[in-house]
N, C-alpha and C. Protein backbone atom coordinates (compact mmCIF):
# COMPACT_ATOMS: atom_id res chain seq x y z
N UNK A 1 88.94 -104.42 -135.12
CA UNK A 1 87.63 -104.45 -135.72
C UNK A 1 87.00 -103.73 -134.61
N UNK A 2 87.01 -104.15 -133.40
CA UNK A 2 86.50 -103.32 -132.00
C UNK A 2 86.70 -101.96 -131.83
N UNK A 3 88.01 -101.57 -132.19
CA UNK A 3 88.29 -100.15 -132.09
C UNK A 3 87.50 -99.32 -133.08
N UNK A 4 87.43 -99.90 -134.45
CA UNK A 4 86.62 -99.29 -135.50
C UNK A 4 85.12 -99.02 -135.13
N UNK A 5 84.64 -100.05 -134.53
CA UNK A 5 82.99 -100.10 -134.02
C UNK A 5 83.03 -99.11 -132.93
N UNK A 6 83.90 -99.06 -132.19
CA UNK A 6 83.92 -98.14 -130.73
C UNK A 6 83.92 -96.62 -131.30
N UNK A 7 84.89 -96.48 -132.48
CA UNK A 7 84.77 -95.10 -133.06
C UNK A 7 83.62 -94.76 -133.49
N UNK A 8 83.07 -95.77 -134.27
CA UNK A 8 81.66 -95.50 -135.08
C UNK A 8 80.59 -95.17 -134.26
N UNK A 9 80.69 -95.85 -133.10
CA UNK A 9 79.72 -95.60 -131.99
C UNK A 9 79.98 -94.14 -131.21
N UNK A 10 81.02 -94.06 -131.01
CA UNK A 10 81.48 -92.70 -130.28
C UNK A 10 81.29 -91.62 -131.31
N UNK A 11 81.39 -91.83 -132.33
CA UNK A 11 81.02 -90.71 -133.33
C UNK A 11 79.33 -90.49 -133.40
N UNK A 12 78.85 -91.67 -133.58
CA UNK A 12 77.32 -91.55 -133.57
C UNK A 12 76.79 -90.97 -132.03
N UNK A 13 77.24 -91.11 -131.34
CA UNK A 13 76.91 -90.75 -129.96
C UNK A 13 77.22 -89.14 -129.79
N UNK A 14 78.47 -88.67 -130.46
CA UNK A 14 78.73 -87.48 -130.34
C UNK A 14 77.61 -86.55 -131.27
N UNK A 15 77.32 -87.07 -132.53
CA UNK A 15 76.54 -86.55 -133.31
C UNK A 15 75.09 -86.47 -132.80
N UNK A 16 74.83 -87.26 -131.99
CA UNK A 16 73.35 -87.30 -131.27
C UNK A 16 73.35 -86.48 -130.14
N UNK A 17 74.40 -86.30 -129.59
CA UNK A 17 74.29 -84.83 -128.32
C UNK A 17 74.29 -83.60 -129.33
N UNK A 18 75.06 -83.61 -130.42
CA UNK A 18 75.09 -82.28 -131.09
C UNK A 18 73.61 -81.90 -131.57
N UNK A 19 73.09 -82.92 -132.14
CA UNK A 19 71.70 -82.72 -132.73
C UNK A 19 70.68 -82.35 -131.39
N UNK A 20 70.96 -83.10 -130.36
CA UNK A 20 70.04 -82.88 -129.20
C UNK A 20 70.13 -81.34 -128.72
N UNK A 21 71.45 -80.85 -128.75
CA UNK A 21 72.08 -79.69 -128.16
C UNK A 21 71.16 -78.44 -129.15
N UNK A 22 71.41 -78.70 -130.57
CA UNK A 22 70.90 -77.85 -131.64
C UNK A 22 69.29 -77.90 -131.39
N UNK A 23 68.56 -78.91 -131.24
CA UNK A 23 67.24 -78.95 -130.93
C UNK A 23 66.60 -78.15 -129.73
N UNK A 24 67.47 -78.30 -128.78
CA UNK A 24 66.99 -77.68 -127.40
C UNK A 24 67.27 -76.14 -127.67
N UNK A 25 68.32 -76.05 -128.29
CA UNK A 25 68.64 -74.51 -128.48
C UNK A 25 67.55 -73.82 -129.54
N UNK A 26 67.21 -74.58 -130.44
CA UNK A 26 66.12 -73.98 -131.10
C UNK A 26 64.72 -73.79 -130.45
N UNK A 27 64.55 -74.74 -129.69
CA UNK A 27 63.34 -74.55 -128.72
C UNK A 27 63.62 -73.31 -127.79
N UNK A 28 64.58 -73.27 -127.29
CA UNK A 28 64.60 -72.07 -126.29
C UNK A 28 64.65 -70.92 -127.07
N UNK A 29 65.09 -70.81 -128.18
CA UNK A 29 64.73 -69.60 -129.31
C UNK A 29 63.36 -69.02 -129.11
N UNK A 30 62.57 -70.25 -129.39
CA UNK A 30 61.22 -69.99 -129.71
C UNK A 30 60.49 -69.48 -128.42
N UNK A 31 60.92 -70.04 -127.12
CA UNK A 31 60.46 -69.61 -126.09
C UNK A 31 60.74 -68.35 -125.68
N UNK A 32 62.07 -67.92 -125.87
CA UNK A 32 62.40 -66.50 -125.71
C UNK A 32 61.67 -65.51 -126.51
N UNK A 33 61.39 -65.87 -127.90
CA UNK A 33 60.58 -64.99 -128.72
C UNK A 33 59.25 -64.76 -128.12
N UNK A 34 58.59 -65.83 -127.76
CA UNK A 34 57.13 -66.15 -127.17
C UNK A 34 57.39 -65.07 -125.81
N UNK A 35 58.33 -65.17 -124.97
CA UNK A 35 58.36 -64.59 -123.63
C UNK A 35 58.34 -63.00 -124.15
N UNK A 36 59.33 -62.63 -124.96
CA UNK A 36 59.50 -61.27 -125.45
C UNK A 36 58.08 -60.77 -126.02
N UNK A 37 57.57 -61.48 -126.69
CA UNK A 37 56.18 -60.78 -127.07
C UNK A 37 54.91 -61.07 -126.24
N UNK A 38 55.32 -61.63 -125.26
CA UNK A 38 54.25 -61.52 -123.96
C UNK A 38 54.43 -60.41 -123.24
N UNK A 39 55.77 -60.05 -122.94
CA UNK A 39 56.39 -58.93 -122.18
C UNK A 39 55.88 -57.57 -123.03
N UNK A 40 56.13 -57.62 -124.31
CA UNK A 40 55.70 -56.35 -125.06
C UNK A 40 53.92 -56.28 -124.98
N UNK A 41 53.29 -57.42 -124.70
CA UNK A 41 51.79 -57.25 -124.80
C UNK A 41 51.16 -56.99 -123.27
N UNK A 42 52.09 -56.75 -122.42
CA UNK A 42 52.01 -56.38 -121.12
C UNK A 42 51.78 -57.50 -120.01
N UNK A 43 52.08 -58.73 -120.35
CA UNK A 43 51.99 -59.94 -119.20
C UNK A 43 53.37 -59.46 -118.56
N UNK A 44 53.36 -59.51 -117.09
CA UNK A 44 54.33 -59.49 -116.11
C UNK A 44 55.32 -60.74 -116.17
N UNK A 45 56.74 -60.34 -116.01
CA UNK A 45 57.65 -61.51 -116.02
C UNK A 45 57.07 -62.68 -115.25
N UNK A 46 56.65 -62.46 -113.95
CA UNK A 46 56.50 -63.52 -113.08
C UNK A 46 55.35 -64.55 -113.46
N UNK A 47 54.13 -63.67 -114.11
CA UNK A 47 53.12 -64.35 -114.70
C UNK A 47 53.46 -65.28 -116.00
N UNK A 48 54.34 -64.89 -116.55
CA UNK A 48 55.02 -65.59 -117.70
C UNK A 48 55.64 -66.85 -117.29
N UNK A 49 56.54 -66.70 -116.31
CA UNK A 49 57.40 -67.69 -115.59
C UNK A 49 56.53 -68.92 -115.04
N UNK A 50 55.45 -68.43 -114.24
CA UNK A 50 54.48 -69.25 -113.81
C UNK A 50 53.76 -70.14 -114.82
N UNK A 51 53.12 -69.35 -115.81
CA UNK A 51 52.68 -70.17 -116.86
C UNK A 51 53.51 -71.09 -117.70
N UNK A 52 54.74 -70.60 -117.86
CA UNK A 52 55.61 -71.59 -118.70
C UNK A 52 56.03 -72.75 -117.88
N UNK A 53 56.26 -72.50 -116.40
CA UNK A 53 56.50 -73.79 -115.53
C UNK A 53 55.35 -74.72 -115.63
N UNK A 54 54.23 -74.17 -115.46
CA UNK A 54 52.99 -75.20 -115.52
C UNK A 54 53.12 -75.66 -116.99
N UNK A 55 53.04 -75.12 -117.83
CA UNK A 55 53.08 -75.65 -119.23
C UNK A 55 54.15 -76.97 -119.47
N UNK A 56 55.60 -76.62 -119.07
CA UNK A 56 56.56 -77.43 -119.27
C UNK A 56 56.38 -78.74 -118.14
N UNK A 57 56.01 -78.42 -116.92
CA UNK A 57 55.72 -79.51 -115.92
C UNK A 57 54.51 -80.61 -116.59
N UNK A 58 53.43 -79.73 -117.03
CA UNK A 58 52.37 -80.64 -117.52
C UNK A 58 52.70 -81.64 -118.71
N UNK A 59 53.60 -81.04 -119.55
CA UNK A 59 54.28 -81.80 -121.00
C UNK A 59 55.19 -82.74 -120.41
N UNK A 60 55.93 -82.54 -119.44
CA UNK A 60 56.91 -83.85 -119.03
C UNK A 60 56.06 -84.68 -118.17
N UNK A 61 54.98 -84.41 -117.66
CA UNK A 61 54.16 -85.59 -116.99
C UNK A 61 53.37 -86.43 -118.01
N UNK A 62 53.01 -85.48 -118.85
CA UNK A 62 52.33 -86.34 -120.28
C UNK A 62 53.25 -87.37 -120.97
N UNK A 63 54.64 -86.86 -120.89
CA UNK A 63 55.69 -87.86 -121.67
C UNK A 63 56.17 -88.84 -120.67
N UNK A 64 56.22 -88.49 -119.15
CA UNK A 64 56.94 -89.26 -118.56
C UNK A 64 56.47 -90.08 -117.56
N UNK A 65 55.17 -89.42 -116.90
CA UNK A 65 54.51 -89.89 -115.83
C UNK A 65 54.69 -89.26 -114.71
N UNK A 66 53.78 -88.98 -113.88
CA UNK A 66 54.02 -88.22 -112.70
C UNK A 66 55.10 -88.62 -111.36
N UNK A 67 55.54 -90.00 -111.19
CA UNK A 67 56.59 -90.31 -110.39
C UNK A 67 57.81 -89.94 -110.95
N UNK A 68 58.01 -89.98 -112.32
CA UNK A 68 59.41 -89.71 -112.79
C UNK A 68 59.62 -88.13 -112.82
N UNK A 69 58.59 -87.35 -113.17
CA UNK A 69 58.75 -86.17 -112.99
C UNK A 69 58.76 -85.46 -111.67
N UNK A 70 57.87 -86.22 -110.78
CA UNK A 70 58.32 -85.64 -109.42
C UNK A 70 59.74 -86.08 -108.74
N UNK A 71 60.03 -87.07 -109.23
CA UNK A 71 61.53 -87.52 -108.67
C UNK A 71 62.47 -86.27 -109.39
N UNK A 72 62.42 -86.05 -110.47
CA UNK A 72 63.04 -85.10 -111.16
C UNK A 72 62.88 -83.62 -110.61
N UNK A 73 62.03 -83.08 -110.18
CA UNK A 73 61.66 -81.55 -109.57
C UNK A 73 61.91 -81.88 -108.22
N UNK A 74 62.23 -83.07 -107.50
CA UNK A 74 62.63 -83.26 -106.16
C UNK A 74 63.99 -82.72 -106.16
N UNK A 75 64.80 -82.91 -107.05
CA UNK A 75 66.15 -82.34 -107.23
C UNK A 75 66.37 -80.95 -107.37
N UNK A 76 65.32 -80.20 -107.79
CA UNK A 76 65.44 -78.78 -108.21
C UNK A 76 66.15 -77.97 -107.02
N UNK A 77 65.52 -77.96 -105.77
CA UNK A 77 65.93 -77.37 -104.81
C UNK A 77 67.56 -77.11 -104.65
N UNK A 78 68.21 -78.33 -104.67
CA UNK A 78 69.79 -78.38 -104.76
C UNK A 78 70.40 -77.83 -105.72
N UNK A 79 69.78 -78.31 -107.07
CA UNK A 79 70.37 -77.53 -108.35
C UNK A 79 70.42 -76.27 -108.13
N UNK A 80 69.05 -75.65 -107.78
CA UNK A 80 68.85 -74.02 -107.75
C UNK A 80 69.91 -73.32 -106.87
N UNK A 81 70.00 -73.86 -105.49
CA UNK A 81 71.07 -73.59 -104.50
C UNK A 81 72.50 -73.65 -105.13
N UNK A 82 72.64 -74.53 -106.02
CA UNK A 82 74.08 -74.66 -106.59
C UNK A 82 74.24 -73.80 -107.80
N UNK A 83 73.16 -72.80 -108.15
CA UNK A 83 73.43 -71.79 -109.34
C UNK A 83 73.27 -72.58 -110.53
N UNK A 84 72.72 -73.77 -110.98
CA UNK A 84 72.53 -74.23 -112.23
C UNK A 84 71.43 -73.19 -113.05
N UNK A 85 70.51 -72.62 -112.57
CA UNK A 85 69.47 -71.62 -113.11
C UNK A 85 69.75 -70.31 -112.92
N UNK A 86 70.88 -70.10 -112.19
CA UNK A 86 71.14 -68.44 -112.19
C UNK A 86 71.94 -67.93 -113.37
N UNK A 87 71.22 -67.12 -114.19
CA UNK A 87 71.73 -66.26 -115.15
C UNK A 87 72.39 -65.15 -115.07
N UNK A 88 72.20 -64.57 -113.80
CA UNK A 88 72.58 -63.06 -113.36
C UNK A 88 72.67 -63.29 -111.88
N UNK A 89 73.27 -62.31 -111.22
CA UNK A 89 73.47 -62.01 -109.82
C UNK A 89 71.96 -61.58 -109.33
N UNK A 90 71.40 -62.04 -108.35
CA UNK A 90 70.02 -61.30 -107.68
C UNK A 90 70.50 -60.81 -106.37
N UNK A 91 69.66 -59.71 -105.77
CA UNK A 91 70.12 -59.03 -104.72
C UNK A 91 69.09 -59.82 -103.68
N UNK A 92 69.79 -60.22 -102.58
CA UNK A 92 68.89 -61.05 -101.40
C UNK A 92 68.74 -59.94 -100.43
C-alpha cells in the first residue's frame, strides 16, 4: 500500500514540476518577445535589462518580502561566477 502511495506522490510531484517548467518557459517566451519588441523600437539592451531586473525584483519583494528576496539576491554573485546565467562567452 505504501509503495503505491509513494508512486502516486512521485508521479504527482513529477507532473507538478513539468507544469512549473512549462509555465516558466511560457513566461520566458513572453519576456523574450517583449525584449525583441523593445529593441526594435530603439531601447538599448542594457536599459531593457535594468528595467526588467527592477520589475522582477519588485514583483518578488511583493510576493515574498524584502528579507527573503535580499537573501536570494545575496547568493547571486557566486551563482553568476559559476556560470549559471552565462548564455554565451563574454570577452573580458
